[in-house]
N, C-alpha and C. Protein backbone atom coordinates (compact mmCIF):
# COMPACT_ATOMS: atom_id res chain seq x y z
N MET A 1 0.84 -1.18 0.00
CA MET A 1 0.00 0.00 0.00
C MET A 1 0.88 1.24 0.00
N ALA A 2 0.53 2.20 -0.80
CA ALA A 2 1.33 3.42 -0.94
C ALA A 2 1.13 4.35 0.25
N LEU A 3 2.13 5.13 0.52
CA LEU A 3 2.04 6.11 1.59
C LEU A 3 1.11 7.24 1.19
N ARG A 4 0.36 7.75 2.14
CA ARG A 4 -0.54 8.86 1.88
C ARG A 4 0.18 10.17 2.20
N SER A 5 -0.10 11.18 1.43
CA SER A 5 0.52 12.48 1.66
C SER A 5 -0.13 13.17 2.85
N LYS A 6 0.67 13.84 3.65
CA LYS A 6 0.14 14.59 4.79
C LYS A 6 -0.54 15.88 4.33
N LEU A 7 -0.25 16.30 3.10
CA LEU A 7 -0.88 17.50 2.57
C LEU A 7 -2.35 17.28 2.24
N LEU A 8 -2.69 16.05 1.87
CA LEU A 8 -4.07 15.75 1.48
C LEU A 8 -4.92 15.48 2.71
N ASP A 9 -5.87 16.34 2.96
CA ASP A 9 -6.82 16.13 4.04
C ASP A 9 -8.23 16.39 3.50
N LYS A 10 -9.22 16.24 4.36
CA LYS A 10 -10.61 16.40 3.92
C LYS A 10 -10.88 17.82 3.42
N LYS A 11 -10.23 18.79 4.02
CA LYS A 11 -10.44 20.19 3.62
C LYS A 11 -9.97 20.41 2.18
N VAL A 12 -8.81 19.88 1.85
CA VAL A 12 -8.25 20.05 0.50
C VAL A 12 -9.13 19.35 -0.53
N ILE A 13 -9.53 18.13 -0.24
CA ILE A 13 -10.37 17.37 -1.17
C ILE A 13 -11.73 18.05 -1.32
N GLY A 14 -12.28 18.53 -0.20
CA GLY A 14 -13.56 19.24 -0.26
C GLY A 14 -13.49 20.50 -1.10
N SER A 15 -12.42 21.27 -0.93
CA SER A 15 -12.29 22.50 -1.72
C SER A 15 -12.04 22.17 -3.19
N ALA A 16 -11.34 21.07 -3.47
CA ALA A 16 -11.12 20.66 -4.86
C ALA A 16 -12.44 20.26 -5.52
N LYS A 17 -13.27 19.51 -4.80
CA LYS A 17 -14.56 19.09 -5.36
C LYS A 17 -15.48 20.29 -5.56
N GLU A 18 -15.47 21.21 -4.60
CA GLU A 18 -16.29 22.42 -4.70
C GLU A 18 -15.86 23.28 -5.89
N MET A 19 -14.57 23.45 -6.04
CA MET A 19 -14.05 24.26 -7.14
C MET A 19 -14.29 23.58 -8.48
N LEU A 20 -14.25 22.26 -8.50
CA LEU A 20 -14.49 21.51 -9.74
C LEU A 20 -15.91 21.75 -10.25
N LYS A 21 -16.87 21.89 -9.34
CA LYS A 21 -18.24 22.18 -9.74
C LYS A 21 -18.34 23.56 -10.38
N LYS A 22 -17.54 24.50 -9.89
CA LYS A 22 -17.60 25.88 -10.41
C LYS A 22 -16.91 26.03 -11.75
N VAL A 23 -15.80 25.34 -11.96
CA VAL A 23 -15.00 25.53 -13.18
C VAL A 23 -15.07 24.32 -14.09
N ARG A 24 -16.19 23.68 -14.14
CA ARG A 24 -16.36 22.45 -14.91
C ARG A 24 -15.99 22.64 -16.39
N ASN A 25 -16.25 23.83 -16.96
CA ASN A 25 -15.97 24.03 -18.38
C ASN A 25 -14.53 24.46 -18.67
N ASN A 26 -13.72 24.65 -17.65
CA ASN A 26 -12.33 25.03 -17.84
C ASN A 26 -11.47 23.76 -17.73
N ALA A 27 -11.13 23.20 -18.88
CA ALA A 27 -10.41 21.92 -18.91
C ALA A 27 -9.04 22.01 -18.26
N TYR A 28 -8.40 23.17 -18.38
CA TYR A 28 -7.05 23.37 -17.83
C TYR A 28 -7.06 23.18 -16.32
N VAL A 29 -8.04 23.77 -15.65
CA VAL A 29 -8.11 23.70 -14.18
C VAL A 29 -8.76 22.40 -13.72
N SER A 30 -9.80 21.96 -14.42
CA SER A 30 -10.50 20.75 -13.97
C SER A 30 -9.60 19.52 -14.03
N ARG A 31 -8.68 19.48 -14.98
CA ARG A 31 -7.71 18.37 -15.05
C ARG A 31 -6.85 18.34 -13.79
N LYS A 32 -6.42 19.51 -13.34
CA LYS A 32 -5.60 19.59 -12.13
C LYS A 32 -6.40 19.17 -10.91
N LEU A 33 -7.65 19.63 -10.82
CA LEU A 33 -8.48 19.31 -9.67
C LEU A 33 -8.81 17.81 -9.61
N ARG A 34 -9.07 17.20 -10.77
CA ARG A 34 -9.34 15.76 -10.79
C ARG A 34 -8.12 14.97 -10.36
N ALA A 35 -6.93 15.45 -10.72
CA ALA A 35 -5.70 14.77 -10.30
C ALA A 35 -5.54 14.86 -8.78
N VAL A 36 -5.85 16.02 -8.21
CA VAL A 36 -5.75 16.18 -6.75
C VAL A 36 -6.73 15.25 -6.04
N ILE A 37 -7.95 15.18 -6.55
CA ILE A 37 -8.95 14.30 -5.93
C ILE A 37 -8.53 12.84 -6.04
N ALA A 38 -7.98 12.45 -7.18
CA ALA A 38 -7.53 11.07 -7.37
C ALA A 38 -6.36 10.73 -6.46
N ALA A 39 -5.55 11.73 -6.11
CA ALA A 39 -4.39 11.49 -5.25
C ALA A 39 -4.81 11.08 -3.84
N LYS A 40 -6.04 11.36 -3.46
CA LYS A 40 -6.53 10.94 -2.15
C LYS A 40 -6.69 9.42 -2.09
N GLU A 41 -7.16 8.82 -3.18
CA GLU A 41 -7.37 7.38 -3.22
C GLU A 41 -6.09 6.62 -3.52
N SER A 42 -5.29 7.13 -4.42
CA SER A 42 -4.03 6.49 -4.80
C SER A 42 -2.88 7.36 -4.32
N SER A 43 -1.68 6.93 -4.59
CA SER A 43 -0.53 7.74 -4.19
C SER A 43 -0.29 8.85 -5.20
N ILE A 44 0.44 9.87 -4.78
CA ILE A 44 0.78 10.98 -5.66
C ILE A 44 1.59 10.48 -6.84
N THR A 45 2.50 9.56 -6.59
CA THR A 45 3.35 9.02 -7.66
C THR A 45 2.51 8.31 -8.72
N ALA A 46 1.55 7.50 -8.27
CA ALA A 46 0.71 6.75 -9.21
C ALA A 46 -0.16 7.69 -10.04
N VAL A 47 -0.74 8.69 -9.40
CA VAL A 47 -1.58 9.65 -10.13
C VAL A 47 -0.74 10.45 -11.11
N ALA A 48 0.45 10.85 -10.68
CA ALA A 48 1.34 11.61 -11.56
C ALA A 48 1.72 10.79 -12.79
N ARG A 49 1.96 9.52 -12.58
CA ARG A 49 2.33 8.65 -13.70
C ARG A 49 1.16 8.50 -14.68
N VAL A 50 -0.05 8.30 -14.16
CA VAL A 50 -1.22 8.13 -15.02
C VAL A 50 -1.54 9.42 -15.77
N CYS A 51 -1.43 10.56 -15.09
CA CYS A 51 -1.75 11.85 -15.72
C CYS A 51 -0.60 12.41 -16.55
N LYS A 52 0.53 11.72 -16.51
CA LYS A 52 1.73 12.15 -17.25
C LYS A 52 2.18 13.55 -16.83
N ILE A 53 2.27 13.74 -15.52
CA ILE A 53 2.79 14.98 -14.95
C ILE A 53 3.84 14.61 -13.91
N SER A 54 4.57 15.59 -13.43
CA SER A 54 5.58 15.30 -12.41
C SER A 54 4.92 15.28 -11.03
N ARG A 55 5.56 14.57 -10.11
CA ARG A 55 5.06 14.53 -8.73
C ARG A 55 5.10 15.92 -8.12
N THR A 56 6.13 16.68 -8.48
CA THR A 56 6.27 18.03 -7.92
C THR A 56 5.12 18.92 -8.36
N ALA A 57 4.71 18.80 -9.62
CA ALA A 57 3.59 19.61 -10.12
C ALA A 57 2.32 19.29 -9.34
N LEU A 58 2.05 18.01 -9.15
CA LEU A 58 0.86 17.60 -8.41
C LEU A 58 0.93 18.08 -6.96
N THR A 59 2.09 17.98 -6.36
CA THR A 59 2.26 18.45 -4.98
C THR A 59 2.04 19.95 -4.90
N GLU A 60 2.50 20.69 -5.88
CA GLU A 60 2.28 22.15 -5.90
C GLU A 60 0.79 22.47 -6.01
N TRP A 61 0.07 21.74 -6.85
CA TRP A 61 -1.36 21.97 -6.98
C TRP A 61 -2.07 21.72 -5.65
N ILE A 62 -1.66 20.67 -4.94
CA ILE A 62 -2.25 20.36 -3.63
C ILE A 62 -1.95 21.49 -2.65
N LYS A 63 -0.72 21.99 -2.66
CA LYS A 63 -0.34 23.09 -1.76
C LYS A 63 -1.15 24.35 -2.07
N HIS A 64 -1.36 24.63 -3.36
CA HIS A 64 -2.15 25.81 -3.72
C HIS A 64 -3.55 25.72 -3.13
N LEU A 65 -4.15 24.54 -3.18
CA LEU A 65 -5.48 24.37 -2.62
C LEU A 65 -5.46 24.43 -1.09
N LYS A 66 -4.46 23.81 -0.50
CA LYS A 66 -4.38 23.74 0.96
C LYS A 66 -4.19 25.12 1.60
N PHE A 67 -3.38 25.95 0.97
CA PHE A 67 -3.05 27.24 1.56
C PHE A 67 -3.85 28.40 0.96
N GLY A 68 -4.96 28.10 0.29
CA GLY A 68 -5.87 29.14 -0.18
C GLY A 68 -5.39 29.94 -1.37
N ARG A 69 -4.56 29.34 -2.21
CA ARG A 69 -4.07 30.05 -3.40
C ARG A 69 -4.60 29.36 -4.66
N ALA A 70 -5.90 29.10 -4.67
CA ALA A 70 -6.51 28.36 -5.78
C ALA A 70 -6.41 29.10 -7.11
N GLU A 71 -6.29 30.43 -7.06
CA GLU A 71 -6.18 31.20 -8.31
C GLU A 71 -4.90 30.86 -9.08
N LYS A 72 -3.92 30.27 -8.39
CA LYS A 72 -2.67 29.89 -9.06
C LYS A 72 -2.85 28.66 -9.95
N LEU A 73 -3.98 27.97 -9.84
CA LEU A 73 -4.25 26.82 -10.70
C LEU A 73 -4.64 27.25 -12.11
N PHE A 74 -5.10 28.49 -12.25
CA PHE A 74 -5.50 29.00 -13.56
C PHE A 74 -4.27 29.42 -14.35
N ALA A 75 -4.41 29.44 -15.67
CA ALA A 75 -3.31 29.87 -16.54
C ALA A 75 -3.10 31.37 -16.37
N PRO A 76 -1.86 31.83 -16.34
CA PRO A 76 -1.61 33.27 -16.25
C PRO A 76 -2.09 33.97 -17.51
N PRO A 77 -2.40 35.27 -17.43
CA PRO A 77 -2.95 35.99 -18.59
C PRO A 77 -2.09 35.90 -19.85
N GLU A 78 -0.77 35.88 -19.70
CA GLU A 78 0.08 35.84 -20.89
C GLU A 78 0.04 34.49 -21.60
N ARG A 79 -0.49 33.45 -20.95
CA ARG A 79 -0.58 32.13 -21.59
C ARG A 79 -1.97 31.85 -22.14
N ARG A 80 -2.90 32.77 -21.92
CA ARG A 80 -4.26 32.55 -22.41
C ARG A 80 -4.38 32.95 -23.87
N ARG A 81 -5.41 32.46 -24.51
CA ARG A 81 -5.66 32.77 -25.92
C ARG A 81 -5.99 34.25 -26.06
N LYS A 82 -5.39 34.88 -27.05
CA LYS A 82 -5.62 36.30 -27.30
C LYS A 82 -6.94 36.47 -28.05
N SER A 83 -7.65 37.54 -27.73
CA SER A 83 -8.93 37.81 -28.37
C SER A 83 -8.71 38.38 -29.77
N ILE A 84 -9.55 37.97 -30.70
CA ILE A 84 -9.49 38.48 -32.06
C ILE A 84 -10.12 39.86 -32.12
N LEU A 85 -11.12 40.10 -31.26
CA LEU A 85 -11.84 41.36 -31.27
C LEU A 85 -11.18 42.38 -30.35
N ASN A 86 -11.26 43.65 -30.73
CA ASN A 86 -10.79 44.69 -29.82
C ASN A 86 -11.96 45.09 -28.91
N SER A 87 -11.72 45.98 -27.98
CA SER A 87 -12.74 46.30 -26.97
C SER A 87 -13.97 46.97 -27.58
N SER A 88 -13.80 47.81 -28.59
CA SER A 88 -14.97 48.47 -29.20
C SER A 88 -15.84 47.45 -29.94
N GLN A 89 -15.22 46.50 -30.63
CA GLN A 89 -15.98 45.46 -31.32
C GLN A 89 -16.72 44.58 -30.32
N ARG A 90 -16.06 44.26 -29.22
CA ARG A 90 -16.69 43.44 -28.19
C ARG A 90 -17.89 44.17 -27.59
N GLY A 91 -17.73 45.48 -27.35
CA GLY A 91 -18.84 46.28 -26.83
C GLY A 91 -20.01 46.33 -27.79
N GLN A 92 -19.72 46.46 -29.08
CA GLN A 92 -20.78 46.49 -30.09
C GLN A 92 -21.55 45.18 -30.11
N ILE A 93 -20.85 44.07 -30.03
CA ILE A 93 -21.51 42.76 -30.02
C ILE A 93 -22.35 42.60 -28.76
N GLU A 94 -21.87 43.09 -27.62
CA GLU A 94 -22.65 43.02 -26.38
C GLU A 94 -23.95 43.81 -26.52
N ARG A 95 -23.89 44.98 -27.17
CA ARG A 95 -25.10 45.78 -27.38
C ARG A 95 -26.09 45.04 -28.29
N TRP A 96 -25.58 44.37 -29.33
CA TRP A 96 -26.45 43.61 -30.23
C TRP A 96 -27.14 42.49 -29.46
N ILE A 97 -26.41 41.85 -28.58
CA ILE A 97 -26.99 40.74 -27.80
C ILE A 97 -28.04 41.27 -26.83
N GLU A 98 -27.79 42.45 -26.24
CA GLU A 98 -28.79 43.04 -25.33
C GLU A 98 -30.06 43.40 -26.09
N GLU A 99 -29.90 43.92 -27.32
CA GLU A 99 -31.07 44.27 -28.14
C GLU A 99 -31.84 43.02 -28.56
N ASN A 100 -31.11 42.00 -28.98
CA ASN A 100 -31.73 40.77 -29.49
C ASN A 100 -30.97 39.57 -28.93
N PRO A 101 -31.44 39.00 -27.81
CA PRO A 101 -30.73 37.86 -27.21
C PRO A 101 -30.69 36.61 -28.09
N ASN A 102 -31.54 36.56 -29.11
CA ASN A 102 -31.60 35.38 -29.99
C ASN A 102 -30.79 35.56 -31.27
N ILE A 103 -29.90 36.53 -31.30
CA ILE A 103 -29.09 36.78 -32.50
C ILE A 103 -28.18 35.58 -32.75
N THR A 104 -28.02 35.23 -34.00
CA THR A 104 -27.16 34.10 -34.35
C THR A 104 -25.78 34.59 -34.74
N ILE A 105 -24.84 33.69 -34.79
CA ILE A 105 -23.47 34.04 -35.19
C ILE A 105 -23.48 34.51 -36.64
N LYS A 106 -24.30 33.89 -37.45
CA LYS A 106 -24.39 34.27 -38.86
C LYS A 106 -24.84 35.73 -39.01
N GLU A 107 -25.86 36.13 -38.24
CA GLU A 107 -26.33 37.52 -38.28
C GLU A 107 -25.26 38.48 -37.78
N ALA A 108 -24.54 38.09 -36.74
CA ALA A 108 -23.47 38.95 -36.21
C ALA A 108 -22.36 39.12 -37.23
N LYS A 109 -22.01 38.07 -37.95
CA LYS A 109 -20.97 38.16 -38.98
C LYS A 109 -21.40 39.10 -40.10
N ILE A 110 -22.68 39.06 -40.46
CA ILE A 110 -23.19 39.95 -41.52
C ILE A 110 -23.09 41.40 -41.06
N ARG A 111 -23.44 41.67 -39.82
CA ARG A 111 -23.38 43.05 -39.30
C ARG A 111 -21.96 43.57 -39.22
N ILE A 112 -21.02 42.69 -38.94
CA ILE A 112 -19.62 43.12 -38.83
C ILE A 112 -19.12 43.43 -40.21
């Protein structure tokens, strides 16, 4: 039987499950949270091997959750996808959606 990490406790697993419900559509973060939850049942080494990550990375993710730094699990702004639209175009599209919530992408492309 593998040794259990002292970092993993009920509080960490609970916060990981709670956060997973909130960020379900963010694959980058949900993958990390699922790995943390799996580390409770199996060892950190086994989970790291299955997820193809390093043990240190998984341990860091656990520490971020344990010490209340969950925002560090998200990708930094410089690594996120850049927007194609500038702020004025984004504002115009928001106004179109407020006027007509049922607008389609095809109609928006025609207006642009």
